C-alpha cells in the first residue's frame, strides 16, 4: 500500500526554505504534554521534523532525539538549525523494533494516504518500547483530499483515526483532542491530536 504521496513530497522539496522560515520560533501545542509523559533523557524519534524547532526544544530539555524527514531539502533546513545531521527517512523506512520511548509526528502523518496509514502506524507501534508514548496531529474533514496548494491529506474524523490505530497495534490511555489552527496556506483548519501509549 502507498505510504506517501509523490506530489506532496515534491511540494515540500520546492517549498523547504519558505516552509521552515514560516515557523521560526515557538513549539507545537502538543509537545509539552508529550514530554511530560517521558522520563528524563528518554529516546525520541521525530517523524517529519519541519524546521527543527521541536527537536531543538527537546534536545534543550535533555532528551535523546533522532530527527528525521522524508524530503532531503527539508532535512537540510533542520540540519542548519540543529547543527547536526538529520536522517532522511520516509515513514515506511522505520524498521526499528522496541527502540524508542517516544515517537513524535507533528502534522506529518496527515499526508500518508489512507490506504497506507495502518501499515505506517504498525511500524510506529513496533518501534516503540513497551509503555512508550506516541503523539500525532492530523487535520480533520469528511473525506481525504487535497488542499489549495495541492498537498494530499487523509483528513480522518476522530472515530476513523482511532480505528486506524486500533488496527495497527495494542494501545492504552488513548486520548484525542480537537481544535482549530492556522496552516501554512494561511487557512484555518480543524485538527485532531491523538496521544496514546503502547501496551506492555
N, C-alpha and C. Protein backbone atom coordinates (compact mmCIF):
# COMPACT_ATOMS: atom_id res chain seq x y z
N UNK A 1 0.84 -1.19 0.00
CA UNK A 1 0.00 0.00 0.00
C UNK A 1 0.88 1.26 0.00
N UNK A 2 0.49 2.29 -0.71
CA UNK A 2 1.32 3.50 -0.75
C UNK A 2 1.35 4.20 0.60
N UNK A 3 2.54 4.60 1.03
CA UNK A 3 2.68 5.28 2.31
C UNK A 3 3.11 6.73 2.14
N UNK A 4 3.17 7.21 0.90
CA UNK A 4 3.50 8.61 0.67
C UNK A 4 2.87 9.05 -0.64
N UNK A 5 2.70 10.35 -0.77
CA UNK A 5 2.13 10.94 -1.97
C UNK A 5 3.23 11.72 -2.68
N UNK A 6 3.65 11.31 -3.89
CA UNK A 6 4.78 11.97 -4.55
C UNK A 6 4.58 13.47 -4.74
N UNK A 7 3.38 13.90 -5.07
CA UNK A 7 3.15 15.33 -5.29
C UNK A 7 3.34 16.13 -4.01
N UNK A 8 2.96 15.55 -2.87
CA UNK A 8 3.13 16.24 -1.59
C UNK A 8 4.61 16.33 -1.22
N UNK A 9 5.37 15.25 -1.45
CA UNK A 9 6.80 15.31 -1.19
C UNK A 9 7.47 16.34 -2.09
N UNK A 10 7.05 16.43 -3.34
CA UNK A 10 7.61 17.41 -4.27
C UNK A 10 7.30 18.83 -3.81
N UNK A 11 6.12 19.03 -3.26
CA UNK A 11 5.76 20.36 -2.75
C UNK A 11 6.73 20.77 -1.64
N UNK A 12 6.97 19.88 -0.68
CA UNK A 12 7.86 20.24 0.43
C UNK A 12 9.30 20.41 -0.03
N UNK A 13 9.71 19.66 -1.03
CA UNK A 13 11.06 19.85 -1.57
C UNK A 13 11.21 21.25 -2.16
N UNK A 14 10.20 21.69 -2.89
CA UNK A 14 10.26 23.01 -3.54
C UNK A 14 10.09 24.15 -2.54
N UNK A 15 9.30 23.93 -1.51
CA UNK A 15 8.96 24.98 -0.56
C UNK A 15 9.81 24.95 0.72
N UNK A 16 10.80 24.08 0.79
CA UNK A 16 11.52 23.85 2.04
C UNK A 16 12.02 25.13 2.72
N UNK A 17 12.73 26.04 2.03
CA UNK A 17 13.22 27.24 2.75
C UNK A 17 12.08 28.11 3.29
N UNK A 18 11.05 28.34 2.48
CA UNK A 18 9.94 29.17 2.94
C UNK A 18 9.14 28.48 4.05
N UNK A 19 8.97 27.17 3.93
CA UNK A 19 8.20 26.42 4.93
C UNK A 19 8.92 26.48 6.27
N UNK A 20 10.22 26.27 6.28
CA UNK A 20 10.98 26.31 7.53
C UNK A 20 10.95 27.71 8.13
N UNK A 21 11.02 28.72 7.29
CA UNK A 21 11.03 30.11 7.78
C UNK A 21 9.67 30.55 8.29
N UNK A 22 8.62 29.83 7.93
CA UNK A 22 7.27 30.23 8.34
C UNK A 22 6.99 29.94 9.80
N UNK A 23 7.84 29.13 10.45
CA UNK A 23 7.64 28.81 11.87
C UNK A 23 8.97 28.89 12.60
N UNK A 24 9.56 30.08 12.69
CA UNK A 24 10.91 30.19 13.24
C UNK A 24 11.03 29.95 14.74
N UNK A 25 9.97 30.23 15.50
CA UNK A 25 10.06 30.11 16.94
C UNK A 25 8.85 29.43 17.52
N UNK A 26 8.92 29.19 18.82
CA UNK A 26 7.81 28.54 19.48
C UNK A 26 7.81 27.03 19.23
N UNK A 27 6.98 26.32 19.97
CA UNK A 27 6.86 24.87 19.81
C UNK A 27 5.41 24.52 19.63
N UNK A 28 5.16 23.32 19.12
CA UNK A 28 3.80 22.86 18.92
C UNK A 28 3.05 22.71 20.24
N UNK A 29 1.74 22.92 20.18
CA UNK A 29 0.92 22.86 21.40
C UNK A 29 0.88 21.47 22.00
N UNK A 30 1.22 20.48 21.22
CA UNK A 30 1.20 19.09 21.66
C UNK A 30 2.43 18.70 22.47
N UNK A 31 3.51 19.50 22.38
CA UNK A 31 4.82 19.00 22.76
C UNK A 31 5.01 18.84 24.27
N UNK A 32 4.64 19.83 25.05
CA UNK A 32 4.93 19.75 26.48
C UNK A 32 4.18 18.61 27.16
N UNK A 33 2.94 18.40 26.76
CA UNK A 33 2.19 17.28 27.34
C UNK A 33 2.83 15.94 27.01
N UNK A 34 3.33 15.81 25.80
CA UNK A 34 4.01 14.59 25.37
C UNK A 34 5.29 14.39 26.18
N UNK A 35 6.12 15.42 26.28
CA UNK A 35 7.38 15.30 27.00
C UNK A 35 7.15 15.03 28.48
N UNK A 36 6.06 15.54 29.02
CA UNK A 36 5.76 15.32 30.42
C UNK A 36 5.47 13.87 30.75
N UNK A 37 5.17 13.07 29.76
CA UNK A 37 4.90 11.65 29.97
C UNK A 37 6.17 10.79 29.91
N UNK A 38 7.27 11.39 29.51
CA UNK A 38 8.51 10.64 29.31
C UNK A 38 9.49 10.88 30.45
N UNK A 39 10.32 9.88 30.71
CA UNK A 39 11.36 10.01 31.74
C UNK A 39 12.46 10.93 31.24
N UNK A 40 13.18 11.60 32.13
CA UNK A 40 14.30 12.45 31.71
C UNK A 40 15.30 11.65 30.87
N UNK A 41 15.76 12.26 29.78
CA UNK A 41 16.74 11.61 28.92
C UNK A 41 16.17 10.54 28.02
N UNK A 42 14.85 10.43 27.93
CA UNK A 42 14.22 9.40 27.09
C UNK A 42 14.60 9.57 25.63
N UNK A 43 14.53 8.47 24.88
CA UNK A 43 14.86 8.47 23.45
C UNK A 43 13.59 8.71 22.63
N UNK A 44 13.68 9.64 21.69
CA UNK A 44 12.53 10.05 20.87
C UNK A 44 12.93 10.05 19.41
N UNK A 45 12.09 9.51 18.55
CA UNK A 45 12.26 9.70 17.11
C UNK A 45 11.16 10.66 16.66
N UNK A 46 11.57 11.69 15.91
CA UNK A 46 10.61 12.65 15.38
C UNK A 46 10.44 12.40 13.89
N UNK A 47 9.23 12.17 13.48
CA UNK A 47 8.92 11.87 12.08
C UNK A 47 8.40 13.13 11.41
N UNK A 48 9.15 13.63 10.42
CA UNK A 48 8.75 14.86 9.74
C UNK A 48 8.98 16.06 10.63
N UNK A 49 10.23 16.43 10.82
CA UNK A 49 10.60 17.39 11.86
C UNK A 49 10.43 18.84 11.49
N UNK A 50 9.89 19.15 10.31
CA UNK A 50 9.62 20.54 9.98
C UNK A 50 10.89 21.37 9.98
N UNK A 51 10.86 22.52 10.64
CA UNK A 51 12.01 23.42 10.67
C UNK A 51 13.08 22.97 11.66
N UNK A 52 12.78 21.98 12.48
CA UNK A 52 13.71 21.54 13.51
C UNK A 52 13.46 22.17 14.87
N UNK A 53 12.43 23.01 14.97
CA UNK A 53 12.22 23.73 16.23
C UNK A 53 11.83 22.79 17.36
N UNK A 54 11.01 21.76 17.08
CA UNK A 54 10.63 20.84 18.15
C UNK A 54 11.83 20.01 18.60
N UNK A 55 12.64 19.55 17.64
CA UNK A 55 13.84 18.78 18.00
C UNK A 55 14.79 19.63 18.83
N UNK A 56 14.94 20.87 18.45
CA UNK A 56 15.81 21.79 19.19
C UNK A 56 15.33 21.93 20.63
N UNK A 57 14.03 22.09 20.80
CA UNK A 57 13.48 22.24 22.15
C UNK A 57 13.66 20.96 22.95
N UNK A 58 13.38 19.82 22.35
CA UNK A 58 13.51 18.55 23.07
C UNK A 58 14.94 18.30 23.50
N UNK A 59 15.89 18.61 22.62
CA UNK A 59 17.29 18.43 22.97
C UNK A 59 17.70 19.38 24.11
N UNK A 60 17.16 20.58 24.11
CA UNK A 60 17.48 21.52 25.19
C UNK A 60 16.95 21.04 26.53
N UNK A 61 15.94 20.16 26.48
CA UNK A 61 15.38 19.57 27.70
C UNK A 61 16.11 18.29 28.11
N UNK A 62 17.11 17.89 27.34
CA UNK A 62 17.91 16.72 27.70
C UNK A 62 17.45 15.40 27.11
N UNK A 63 16.49 15.42 26.19
CA UNK A 63 16.04 14.19 25.56
C UNK A 63 16.98 13.80 24.41
N UNK A 64 17.06 12.51 24.14
CA UNK A 64 17.85 11.99 23.02
C UNK A 64 16.94 11.94 21.80
N UNK A 65 17.19 12.78 20.81
CA UNK A 65 16.27 12.95 19.69
C UNK A 65 16.91 12.50 18.38
N UNK A 66 16.22 11.62 17.69
CA UNK A 66 16.59 11.29 16.31
C UNK A 66 15.59 12.01 15.40
N UNK A 67 16.05 13.07 14.77
CA UNK A 67 15.19 13.85 13.88
C UNK A 67 15.25 13.24 12.48
N UNK A 68 14.09 13.11 11.84
CA UNK A 68 14.03 12.50 10.51
C UNK A 68 13.08 13.29 9.62
N UNK A 69 13.28 13.17 8.33
CA UNK A 69 12.34 13.71 7.36
C UNK A 69 12.48 12.92 6.06
N UNK A 70 11.37 12.75 5.35
CA UNK A 70 11.38 12.02 4.09
C UNK A 70 11.83 12.83 2.90
N UNK A 71 12.04 14.14 3.08
CA UNK A 71 12.41 15.04 1.99
C UNK A 71 13.80 15.61 2.29
N UNK A 72 14.80 15.31 1.48
CA UNK A 72 16.16 15.80 1.76
C UNK A 72 16.24 17.31 1.93
N UNK A 73 15.48 18.04 1.15
CA UNK A 73 15.53 19.50 1.23
C UNK A 73 15.01 20.01 2.58
N UNK A 74 14.00 19.33 3.12
CA UNK A 74 13.51 19.71 4.44
C UNK A 74 14.48 19.29 5.53
N UNK A 75 15.09 18.12 5.39
CA UNK A 75 16.09 17.68 6.35
C UNK A 75 17.24 18.68 6.42
N UNK A 76 17.61 19.25 5.28
CA UNK A 76 18.71 20.22 5.25
C UNK A 76 18.36 21.48 6.03
N UNK A 77 17.09 21.88 6.01
CA UNK A 77 16.67 23.05 6.78
C UNK A 77 16.83 22.79 8.28
N UNK A 78 16.45 21.61 8.72
CA UNK A 78 16.59 21.28 10.14
C UNK A 78 18.06 21.12 10.51
N UNK A 79 18.87 20.56 9.61
CA UNK A 79 20.29 20.43 9.89
C UNK A 79 20.93 21.79 10.14
N UNK A 80 20.54 22.78 9.36
CA UNK A 80 21.09 24.13 9.54
C UNK A 80 20.73 24.69 10.91
N UNK A 81 19.55 24.37 11.38
CA UNK A 81 19.11 24.88 12.69
C UNK A 81 19.76 24.11 13.83
N UNK A 82 19.85 22.79 13.68
CA UNK A 82 20.33 21.95 14.77
C UNK A 82 21.84 21.83 14.81
N UNK A 83 22.50 22.11 13.70
CA UNK A 83 23.95 21.97 13.64
C UNK A 83 24.43 20.54 13.64
N UNK A 84 23.60 19.63 13.16
CA UNK A 84 23.96 18.22 13.08
C UNK A 84 23.14 17.56 11.99
N UNK A 85 23.46 16.32 11.69
CA UNK A 85 22.77 15.64 10.60
C UNK A 85 21.35 15.26 11.01
N UNK A 86 20.47 15.23 10.02
CA UNK A 86 19.09 14.78 10.18
C UNK A 86 18.88 13.61 9.23
N UNK A 87 18.36 12.54 9.74
CA UNK A 87 18.19 11.32 8.95
C UNK A 87 17.10 11.51 7.89
N UNK A 88 17.44 11.24 6.63
CA UNK A 88 16.44 11.27 5.56
C UNK A 88 15.77 9.90 5.53
N UNK A 89 14.51 9.87 5.88
CA UNK A 89 13.79 8.61 6.04
C UNK A 89 12.30 8.83 5.85
N UNK A 90 11.71 8.09 4.92
CA UNK A 90 10.25 8.10 4.82
C UNK A 90 9.68 7.21 5.91
N UNK A 91 8.40 7.38 6.18
CA UNK A 91 7.76 6.63 7.25
C UNK A 91 7.86 5.12 7.04
N UNK A 92 7.81 4.67 5.78
CA UNK A 92 7.86 3.24 5.53
C UNK A 92 9.27 2.67 5.64
N UNK A 93 10.25 3.51 5.98
CA UNK A 93 11.61 3.05 6.24
C UNK A 93 11.88 2.87 7.74
N UNK A 94 10.89 3.13 8.57
CA UNK A 94 11.07 2.97 10.02
C UNK A 94 11.03 1.48 10.35
N UNK A 95 12.21 0.91 10.60
CA UNK A 95 12.32 -0.53 10.79
C UNK A 95 12.73 -0.93 12.21
N UNK A 96 12.99 0.04 13.07
CA UNK A 96 13.45 -0.28 14.41
C UNK A 96 12.36 -1.02 15.20
N UNK A 97 12.80 -1.84 16.13
CA UNK A 97 11.88 -2.61 16.98
C UNK A 97 12.18 -2.31 18.44
N UNK A 98 11.17 -1.83 19.16
CA UNK A 98 11.26 -1.54 20.60
C UNK A 98 12.49 -0.71 20.94
N UNK A 99 12.72 0.35 20.19
CA UNK A 99 13.92 1.18 20.36
C UNK A 99 13.65 2.52 21.04
N UNK A 100 12.46 3.08 20.87
CA UNK A 100 12.21 4.45 21.31
C UNK A 100 11.21 4.51 22.47
N UNK A 101 11.44 5.48 23.35
CA UNK A 101 10.48 5.75 24.41
C UNK A 101 9.32 6.61 23.91
N UNK A 102 9.55 7.34 22.82
CA UNK A 102 8.51 8.20 22.27
C UNK A 102 8.65 8.35 20.77
N UNK A 103 7.53 8.49 20.10
CA UNK A 103 7.50 8.78 18.66
C UNK A 103 6.63 10.01 18.47
N UNK A 104 7.23 11.06 17.96
CA UNK A 104 6.55 12.33 17.75
C UNK A 104 6.30 12.53 16.26
N UNK A 105 5.06 12.83 15.90
CA UNK A 105 4.71 13.09 14.49
C UNK A 105 3.76 14.28 14.46
N UNK A 106 4.34 15.48 14.46
CA UNK A 106 3.54 16.70 14.47
C UNK A 106 3.19 17.12 13.05
N UNK A 107 1.94 16.99 12.71
CA UNK A 107 1.45 17.39 11.38
C UNK A 107 2.29 16.77 10.26
N UNK A 108 2.55 15.49 10.34
CA UNK A 108 3.29 14.80 9.29
C UNK A 108 2.56 13.55 8.79
N UNK A 109 2.03 12.74 9.70
CA UNK A 109 1.30 11.54 9.29
C UNK A 109 0.02 11.88 8.55
N UNK A 110 -0.43 13.12 8.66
CA UNK A 110 -1.65 13.54 7.97
C UNK A 110 -1.51 13.52 6.44
N UNK A 111 -0.26 13.40 5.95
CA UNK A 111 -0.03 13.33 4.50
C UNK A 111 0.08 11.90 3.99
N UNK A 112 -0.04 10.90 4.88
CA UNK A 112 0.05 9.50 4.46
C UNK A 112 -1.28 9.07 3.84
N UNK A 113 -1.27 8.54 2.61
CA UNK A 113 -2.53 8.05 2.02
C UNK A 113 -3.23 7.07 2.94
N UNK A 114 -4.54 7.17 3.00
CA UNK A 114 -5.30 6.31 3.91
C UNK A 114 -5.00 4.84 3.72
N UNK A 115 -4.78 4.42 2.47
CA UNK A 115 -4.53 3.01 2.20
C UNK A 115 -3.25 2.51 2.87
N UNK A 116 -2.31 3.41 3.13
CA UNK A 116 -1.05 3.00 3.73
C UNK A 116 -0.89 3.39 5.18
N UNK A 117 -1.90 4.06 5.76
CA UNK A 117 -1.73 4.61 7.10
C UNK A 117 -1.59 3.53 8.17
N UNK A 118 -2.41 2.48 8.12
CA UNK A 118 -2.31 1.43 9.13
C UNK A 118 -0.93 0.80 9.13
N UNK A 119 -0.36 0.58 7.96
CA UNK A 119 0.99 0.00 7.88
C UNK A 119 2.03 0.89 8.52
N UNK A 120 1.94 2.20 8.31
CA UNK A 120 2.88 3.14 8.92
C UNK A 120 2.69 3.15 10.44
N UNK A 121 1.46 3.16 10.90
CA UNK A 121 1.21 3.16 12.34
C UNK A 121 1.70 1.86 12.99
N UNK A 122 1.62 0.75 12.27
CA UNK A 122 2.15 -0.51 12.80
C UNK A 122 3.67 -0.42 12.97
N UNK A 123 4.34 0.27 12.06
CA UNK A 123 5.78 0.47 12.19
C UNK A 123 6.11 1.31 13.42
N UNK A 124 5.29 2.34 13.65
CA UNK A 124 5.47 3.17 14.84
C UNK A 124 5.27 2.33 16.11
N UNK A 125 4.23 1.52 16.12
CA UNK A 125 3.96 0.66 17.28
C UNK A 125 5.14 -0.27 17.54
N UNK A 126 5.70 -0.88 16.48
CA UNK A 126 6.84 -1.78 16.65
C UNK A 126 8.08 -1.03 17.13
N UNK A 127 8.26 0.21 16.68
CA UNK A 127 9.45 0.98 17.04
C UNK A 127 9.44 1.42 18.49
N UNK A 128 8.27 1.52 19.09
CA UNK A 128 8.15 1.94 20.49
C UNK A 128 8.50 0.81 21.45
N UNK A 129 9.15 1.18 22.54
CA UNK A 129 9.31 0.23 23.64
C UNK A 129 7.95 -0.01 24.29
N UNK A 130 7.74 -1.15 24.94
CA UNK A 130 6.50 -1.33 25.70
C UNK A 130 6.33 -0.19 26.71
N UNK A 131 5.17 0.41 26.73
CA UNK A 131 4.92 1.55 27.59
C UNK A 131 5.33 2.88 26.99
N UNK A 132 5.88 2.85 25.76
CA UNK A 132 6.29 4.08 25.09
C UNK A 132 5.09 4.89 24.62
N UNK A 133 5.33 6.19 24.37
CA UNK A 133 4.26 7.12 24.02
C UNK A 133 4.40 7.62 22.59
N UNK A 134 3.24 7.86 21.99
CA UNK A 134 3.19 8.41 20.63
C UNK A 134 2.18 9.54 20.62
N UNK A 135 2.54 10.63 19.93
CA UNK A 135 1.59 11.72 19.72
C UNK A 135 1.67 12.14 18.26
N UNK A 136 0.52 12.43 17.68
CA UNK A 136 0.46 12.87 16.28
C UNK A 136 -0.72 13.82 16.12
N UNK A 137 -0.57 14.73 15.18
CA UNK A 137 -1.62 15.71 14.91
C UNK A 137 -2.07 15.58 13.46
N UNK A 138 -3.37 15.52 13.27
CA UNK A 138 -3.98 15.36 11.95
C UNK A 138 -4.95 16.50 11.68
N UNK A 139 -5.09 16.87 10.43
CA UNK A 139 -6.21 17.73 10.05
C UNK A 139 -7.42 16.83 9.83
N UNK A 140 -8.60 17.35 10.13
CA UNK A 140 -9.81 16.54 10.02
C UNK A 140 -10.79 17.18 9.05
N UNK A 141 -11.52 16.34 8.36
CA UNK A 141 -12.58 16.75 7.44
C UNK A 141 -13.43 15.52 7.16
N UNK A 142 -14.30 15.62 6.18
CA UNK A 142 -15.20 14.49 5.93
C UNK A 142 -14.57 13.42 5.04
N UNK A 143 -13.66 13.80 4.16
CA UNK A 143 -13.06 12.84 3.23
C UNK A 143 -11.62 13.23 2.95
N UNK A 144 -10.81 12.23 2.55
CA UNK A 144 -9.44 12.54 2.14
C UNK A 144 -9.46 13.44 0.91
N UNK A 145 -8.39 14.21 0.71
CA UNK A 145 -8.36 15.11 -0.44
C UNK A 145 -7.12 15.99 -0.41
N UNK A 146 -7.14 17.04 -1.22
CA UNK A 146 -6.00 17.95 -1.33
C UNK A 146 -6.42 19.36 -0.92
N UNK A 147 -5.44 20.09 -0.36
CA UNK A 147 -5.70 21.48 -0.04
C UNK A 147 -5.45 22.34 -1.29
N UNK A 148 -5.60 23.64 -1.16
CA UNK A 148 -5.48 24.51 -2.33
C UNK A 148 -4.04 24.60 -2.86
N UNK A 149 -3.07 24.10 -2.09
CA UNK A 149 -1.69 24.06 -2.54
C UNK A 149 -1.32 22.73 -3.20
N UNK A 150 -2.27 21.82 -3.24
CA UNK A 150 -2.05 20.54 -3.91
C UNK A 150 -1.54 19.44 -3.00
N UNK A 151 -1.44 19.71 -1.70
CA UNK A 151 -0.95 18.68 -0.78
C UNK A 151 -2.07 17.69 -0.44
N UNK A 152 -1.72 16.41 -0.39
CA UNK A 152 -2.67 15.37 -0.01
C UNK A 152 -2.82 15.34 1.51
N UNK A 153 -4.08 15.16 1.98
CA UNK A 153 -4.37 14.95 3.40
C UNK A 153 -5.33 13.78 3.55
N UNK A 154 -5.09 12.96 4.59
CA UNK A 154 -6.00 11.83 4.83
C UNK A 154 -7.27 12.27 5.58
N UNK A 155 -7.26 13.40 6.26
CA UNK A 155 -8.44 14.02 6.87
C UNK A 155 -9.35 13.05 7.63
N UNK A 156 -8.86 12.29 8.60
CA UNK A 156 -9.75 11.38 9.33
C UNK A 156 -10.57 12.11 10.38
N UNK A 157 -11.76 11.62 10.64
CA UNK A 157 -12.51 12.09 11.80
C UNK A 157 -11.99 11.32 13.02
N UNK A 158 -12.45 11.69 14.20
CA UNK A 158 -11.94 11.07 15.41
C UNK A 158 -12.14 9.56 15.45
N UNK A 159 -13.32 9.09 15.06
CA UNK A 159 -13.60 7.66 15.08
C UNK A 159 -12.72 6.91 14.07
N UNK A 160 -12.54 7.50 12.89
CA UNK A 160 -11.67 6.87 11.89
C UNK A 160 -10.23 6.81 12.38
N UNK A 161 -9.79 7.88 13.00
CA UNK A 161 -8.42 7.93 13.50
C UNK A 161 -8.18 6.82 14.53
N UNK A 162 -9.11 6.68 15.45
CA UNK A 162 -8.96 5.63 16.46
C UNK A 162 -8.98 4.25 15.82
N UNK A 163 -9.77 4.06 14.77
CA UNK A 163 -9.83 2.77 14.09
C UNK A 163 -8.50 2.43 13.41
N UNK A 164 -7.87 3.42 12.79
CA UNK A 164 -6.57 3.18 12.17
C UNK A 164 -5.55 2.71 13.21
N UNK A 165 -5.52 3.36 14.36
CA UNK A 165 -4.56 2.99 15.39
C UNK A 165 -4.88 1.63 15.99
N UNK A 166 -6.16 1.32 16.19
CA UNK A 166 -6.55 0.02 16.73
C UNK A 166 -6.11 -1.12 15.82
N UNK A 167 -6.19 -0.88 14.51
CA UNK A 167 -5.78 -1.90 13.54
C UNK A 167 -4.26 -2.08 13.51
N UNK A 168 -3.51 -1.10 14.01
CA UNK A 168 -2.04 -1.13 13.90
C UNK A 168 -1.36 -1.77 15.10
N UNK A 169 -2.01 -1.82 16.24
CA UNK A 169 -1.37 -2.36 17.44
C UNK A 169 -2.26 -2.20 18.66
N UNK A 170 -1.74 -2.62 19.80
CA UNK A 170 -2.49 -2.57 21.05
C UNK A 170 -2.02 -1.38 21.87
N UNK A 171 -2.96 -0.47 22.18
CA UNK A 171 -2.63 0.77 22.87
C UNK A 171 -3.45 0.90 24.15
N UNK A 172 -3.00 1.77 25.03
CA UNK A 172 -3.79 2.12 26.21
C UNK A 172 -3.70 3.63 26.41
N UNK A 173 -4.52 4.15 27.29
CA UNK A 173 -4.53 5.60 27.58
C UNK A 173 -4.65 6.44 26.31
N UNK A 174 -5.60 6.09 25.47
CA UNK A 174 -5.81 6.83 24.22
C UNK A 174 -6.61 8.09 24.49
N UNK A 175 -6.12 9.23 24.01
CA UNK A 175 -6.84 10.50 24.18
C UNK A 175 -6.79 11.27 22.86
N UNK A 176 -7.91 11.85 22.47
CA UNK A 176 -7.99 12.66 21.26
C UNK A 176 -8.50 14.04 21.63
N UNK A 177 -7.74 15.05 21.25
CA UNK A 177 -8.10 16.45 21.49
C UNK A 177 -8.34 17.12 20.15
N UNK A 178 -9.37 17.92 20.03
CA UNK A 178 -9.67 18.60 18.79
C UNK A 178 -9.59 20.12 18.98
N UNK A 179 -9.42 20.82 17.86
CA UNK A 179 -9.36 22.27 17.91
C UNK A 179 -9.17 22.84 16.52
N UNK A 180 -8.75 24.09 16.45
CA UNK A 180 -8.51 24.75 15.18
C UNK A 180 -7.13 25.38 15.19
N UNK A 181 -6.53 25.47 13.98
CA UNK A 181 -5.22 26.07 13.86
C UNK A 181 -5.04 26.69 12.49
N UNK A 182 -4.04 27.56 12.37
CA UNK A 182 -3.74 28.26 11.13
C UNK A 182 -2.59 27.54 10.44
N UNK A 183 -2.80 27.11 9.19
CA UNK A 183 -1.79 26.35 8.47
C UNK A 183 -0.90 27.20 7.59
N UNK A 184 0.03 26.55 6.91
CA UNK A 184 0.99 27.21 6.03
C UNK A 184 0.28 27.96 4.90
N UNK A 185 -0.86 27.44 4.48
CA UNK A 185 -1.62 28.09 3.42
C UNK A 185 -2.44 29.27 3.95
N UNK A 186 -2.28 29.55 5.26
CA UNK A 186 -2.93 30.66 5.93
C UNK A 186 -4.43 30.47 6.13
N UNK A 187 -4.90 29.28 5.93
CA UNK A 187 -6.31 29.00 6.19
C UNK A 187 -6.49 28.32 7.53
N UNK A 188 -7.65 28.49 8.12
CA UNK A 188 -7.97 27.84 9.40
C UNK A 188 -8.45 26.42 9.14
N UNK A 189 -7.88 25.46 9.87
CA UNK A 189 -8.25 24.06 9.70
C UNK A 189 -8.61 23.45 11.04
N UNK A 190 -9.48 22.47 11.00
CA UNK A 190 -9.76 21.67 12.18
C UNK A 190 -8.66 20.63 12.33
N UNK A 191 -8.29 20.32 13.57
CA UNK A 191 -7.27 19.31 13.78
C UNK A 191 -7.70 18.37 14.89
N UNK A 192 -7.07 17.19 14.90
CA UNK A 192 -7.24 16.22 15.97
C UNK A 192 -5.85 15.77 16.41
N UNK A 193 -5.56 15.88 17.68
CA UNK A 193 -4.29 15.42 18.24
C UNK A 193 -4.56 14.15 19.03
N UNK A 194 -3.87 13.08 18.67
CA UNK A 194 -4.05 11.82 19.37
C UNK A 194 -2.79 11.49 20.17
N UNK A 195 -2.99 11.12 21.41
CA UNK A 195 -1.91 10.72 22.30
C UNK A 195 -2.23 9.34 22.83
N UNK A 196 -1.27 8.41 22.70
CA UNK A 196 -1.52 7.04 23.16
C UNK A 196 -0.24 6.39 23.61
N UNK A 197 -0.41 5.33 24.40
CA UNK A 197 0.70 4.59 24.96
C UNK A 197 0.65 3.15 24.47
N UNK A 198 1.81 2.63 24.09
CA UNK A 198 1.89 1.24 23.66
C UNK A 198 1.68 0.33 24.86
N UNK A 199 0.77 -0.60 24.75
CA UNK A 199 0.51 -1.54 25.83
C UNK A 199 1.74 -2.39 26.07
N UNK A 200 1.93 -2.78 27.29
CA UNK A 200 3.07 -3.62 27.57
C UNK A 200 3.53 -3.49 28.98
